[in-house]
Amino acid sequence: MLSDREKFILHLVSMMTITKLSGTEHSEQLICQMMEDVRCNRCRSIAPEDIGDIIEEVNEEMLAGGIMFKELLADAAWSMTGERPNKNTDWSDMK
């Protein structure tokens, strides 16, 4: 069974993904309203003042995760093609 915090994060990420992929206008306002509805109906133990902290933590993790996924994809491409993703081999950026 998921905790209320886990449920909230699941719904938050789902809504962020759906609004981003669908190109929904005013998505920030829509997500805020929907998250309040989720909190009231599905995650009652989460205090309204905790929502901002949760969203900030999720955003930080998504940024870190994005960096990790880029590295993993570059490694996967390198292992499949044998070509380095970063072809900068002259070390000029290390001066």
C-alpha atoms as a PDB file:
ATOM      1  CA  MET A   1       0.000   0.000   0.000  1.00  0.00           C
ATOM      2  CA  LEU A   2       1.367   3.398  -0.966  1.00  0.00           C
ATOM      3  CA  SER A   3       1.695   6.110   1.649  1.00  0.00           C
ATOM      4  CA  ASP A   4      -0.167   9.381   1.113  1.00  0.00           C
ATOM      5  CA  ARG A   5       3.143  11.047   0.227  1.00  0.00           C
ATOM      6  CA  GLU A   6       3.872   8.373  -2.401  1.00  0.00           C
ATOM      7  CA  LYS A   7       0.356   8.694  -3.826  1.00  0.00           C
ATOM      8  CA  PHE A   8       0.732  12.453  -4.006  1.00  0.00           C
ATOM      9  CA  ILE A   9       4.063  12.167  -5.837  1.00  0.00           C
ATOM     10  CA  LEU A  10       2.620   9.591  -8.239  1.00  0.00           C
ATOM     11  CA  HIS A  11      -0.306  11.867  -9.132  1.00  0.00           C
ATOM     12  CA  LEU A  12       1.933  14.951  -9.339  1.00  0.00           C
ATOM     13  CA  VAL A  13       4.361  13.341 -11.774  1.00  0.00           C
ATOM     14  CA  SER A  14       1.497  11.891 -13.825  1.00  0.00           C
ATOM     15  CA  MET A  15      -0.152  15.299 -14.120  1.00  0.00           C
ATOM     16  CA  MET A  16       3.128  17.021 -14.958  1.00  0.00           C
ATOM     17  CA  THR A  17       3.774  14.480 -17.691  1.00  0.00           C
ATOM     18  CA  ILE A  18       0.270  14.657 -19.147  1.00  0.00           C
ATOM     19  CA  THR A  19       0.149  18.459 -19.216  1.00  0.00           C
ATOM     20  CA  LYS A  20       3.654  18.640 -20.736  1.00  0.00           C
ATOM     21  CA  LEU A  21       2.937  16.058 -23.450  1.00  0.00           C
ATOM     22  CA  SER A  22      -0.488  17.451 -24.293  1.00  0.00           C
ATOM     23  CA  GLY A  23       0.719  21.068 -24.429  1.00  0.00           C
ATOM     24  CA  THR A  24      -2.012  22.172 -22.033  1.00  0.00           C
ATOM     25  CA  GLU A  25      -2.216  25.936 -21.627  1.00  0.00           C
ATOM     26  CA  HIS A  26      -1.869  27.368 -18.115  1.00  0.00           C
ATOM     27  CA  SER A  27      -0.583  24.002 -16.931  1.00  0.00           C
ATOM     28  CA  GLU A  28       0.957  25.450 -13.735  1.00  0.00           C
ATOM     29  CA  GLN A  29      -2.416  26.721 -12.514  1.00  0.00           C
ATOM     30  CA  LEU A  30      -4.158  23.529 -13.569  1.00  0.00           C
ATOM     31  CA  ILE A  31      -1.619  21.338 -11.770  1.00  0.00           C
ATOM     32  CA  CYS A  32      -1.904  23.444  -8.591  1.00  0.00           C
ATOM     33  CA  GLN A  33      -5.689  23.092  -8.559  1.00  0.00           C
ATOM     34  CA  MET A  34      -5.590  19.393  -9.364  1.00  0.00           C
ATOM     35  CA  MET A  35      -2.956  18.745  -6.688  1.00  0.00           C
ATOM     36  CA  GLU A  36      -5.128  20.426  -4.089  1.00  0.00           C
ATOM     37  CA  ASP A  37      -8.026  18.205  -5.190  1.00  0.00           C
ATOM     38  CA  VAL A  38      -5.783  15.126  -4.978  1.00  0.00           C
ATOM     39  CA  ARG A  39      -4.598  16.168  -1.525  1.00  0.00           C
ATOM     40  CA  CYS A  40      -8.162  16.636  -0.274  1.00  0.00           C
ATOM     41  CA  ASN A  41      -9.531  13.443  -1.818  1.00  0.00           C
ATOM     42  CA  ARG A  42      -6.651  10.936  -1.910  1.00  0.00           C
ATOM     43  CA  CYS A  43      -3.886  12.196   0.383  1.00  0.00           C
ATOM     44  CA  ARG A  44      -5.644  13.681   3.392  1.00  0.00           C
ATOM     45  CA  SER A  45      -2.704  13.265   5.767  1.00  0.00           C
ATOM     46  CA  ILE A  46      -0.562  15.720   3.761  1.00  0.00           C
ATOM     47  CA  ALA A  47      -0.746  19.246   5.136  1.00  0.00           C
ATOM     48  CA  PRO A  48      -1.282  22.018   2.585  1.00  0.00           C
ATOM     49  CA  GLU A  49       1.981  23.676   3.665  1.00  0.00           C
ATOM     50  CA  ASP A  50       3.913  20.479   2.817  1.00  0.00           C
ATOM     51  CA  ILE A  51       2.889  20.509  -0.846  1.00  0.00           C
ATOM     52  CA  GLY A  52       5.466  23.140  -1.822  1.00  0.00           C
ATOM     53  CA  ASP A  53       8.272  21.151  -0.206  1.00  0.00           C
ATOM     54  CA  ILE A  54       7.217  17.949  -1.950  1.00  0.00           C
ATOM     55  CA  ILE A  55       7.019  19.669  -5.335  1.00  0.00           C
ATOM     56  CA  GLU A  56      10.467  21.225  -4.812  1.00  0.00           C
ATOM     57  CA  GLU A  57      11.955  17.828  -3.898  1.00  0.00           C
ATOM     58  CA  VAL A  58      10.336  16.200  -6.952  1.00  0.00           C
ATOM     59  CA  ASN A  59      11.657  18.957  -9.250  1.00  0.00           C
ATOM     60  CA  GLU A  60      15.185  18.579  -7.849  1.00  0.00           C
ATOM     61  CA  GLU A  61      15.061  14.816  -8.350  1.00  0.00           C
ATOM     62  CA  MET A  62      13.730  15.227 -11.892  1.00  0.00           C
ATOM     63  CA  LEU A  63      16.650  17.528 -12.755  1.00  0.00           C
ATOM     64  CA  ALA A  64      19.162  15.070 -11.311  1.00  0.00           C
ATOM     65  CA  GLY A  65      17.352  12.192 -13.005  1.00  0.00           C
ATOM     66  CA  GLY A  66      17.454  14.006 -16.339  1.00  0.00           C
ATOM     67  CA  ILE A  67      21.221  14.326 -16.096  1.00  0.00           C
ATOM     68  CA  MET A  68      21.513  10.642 -15.191  1.00  0.00           C
ATOM     69  CA  PHE A  69      19.290   9.558 -18.101  1.00  0.00           C
ATOM     70  CA  LYS A  70      21.350  11.619 -20.577  1.00  0.00           C
ATOM     71  CA  GLU A  71      24.502   9.898 -19.360  1.00  0.00           C
ATOM     72  CA  LEU A  72      22.898   6.459 -19.503  1.00  0.00           C
ATOM     73  CA  LEU A  73      21.620   7.070 -23.047  1.00  0.00           C
ATOM     74  CA  ALA A  74      25.047   8.302 -24.143  1.00  0.00           C
ATOM     75  CA  ASP A  75      26.660   5.198 -22.630  1.00  0.00           C
ATOM     76  CA  ALA A  76      24.109   2.959 -24.331  1.00  0.00           C
ATOM     77  CA  ALA A  77      24.693   4.654 -27.701  1.00  0.00           C
ATOM     78  CA  TRP A  78      28.446   4.273 -27.242  1.00  0.00           C
ATOM     79  CA  SER A  79      28.154   0.590 -26.399  1.00  0.00           C
ATOM     80  CA  MET A  80      25.956  -0.045 -29.456  1.00  0.00           C
ATOM     81  CA  THR A  81      27.894   2.020 -31.994  1.00  0.00           C
ATOM     82  CA  GLY A  82      31.405   2.073 -30.585  1.00  0.00           C
ATOM     83  CA  GLU A  83      31.505   5.845 -31.158  1.00  0.00           C
ATOM     84  CA  ARG A  84      32.182   8.197 -28.307  1.00  0.00           C
ATOM     85  CA  PRO A  85      29.205  10.484 -27.635  1.00  0.00           C
ATOM     86  CA  ASN A  86      31.632  13.302 -26.803  1.00  0.00           C
ATOM     87  CA  LYS A  87      34.069  13.612 -29.668  1.00  0.00           C
ATOM     88  CA  ASN A  88      36.010  16.428 -27.992  1.00  0.00           C
ATOM     89  CA  THR A  89      39.362  14.659 -27.629  1.00  0.00           C
ATOM     90  CA  ASP A  90      41.753  17.607 -27.846  1.00  0.00           C
ATOM     91  CA  TRP A  91      41.337  18.503 -24.157  1.00  0.00           C
ATOM     92  CA  SER A  92      41.107  22.215 -25.050  1.00  0.00           C
ATOM     93  CA  ASP A  93      38.271  22.610 -22.560  1.00  0.00           C
ATOM     94  CA  MET A  94      40.635  21.581 -19.743  1.00  0.00           C
ATOM     95  CA  LYS A  95      42.968  24.604 -20.087  1.00  0.00           C
END
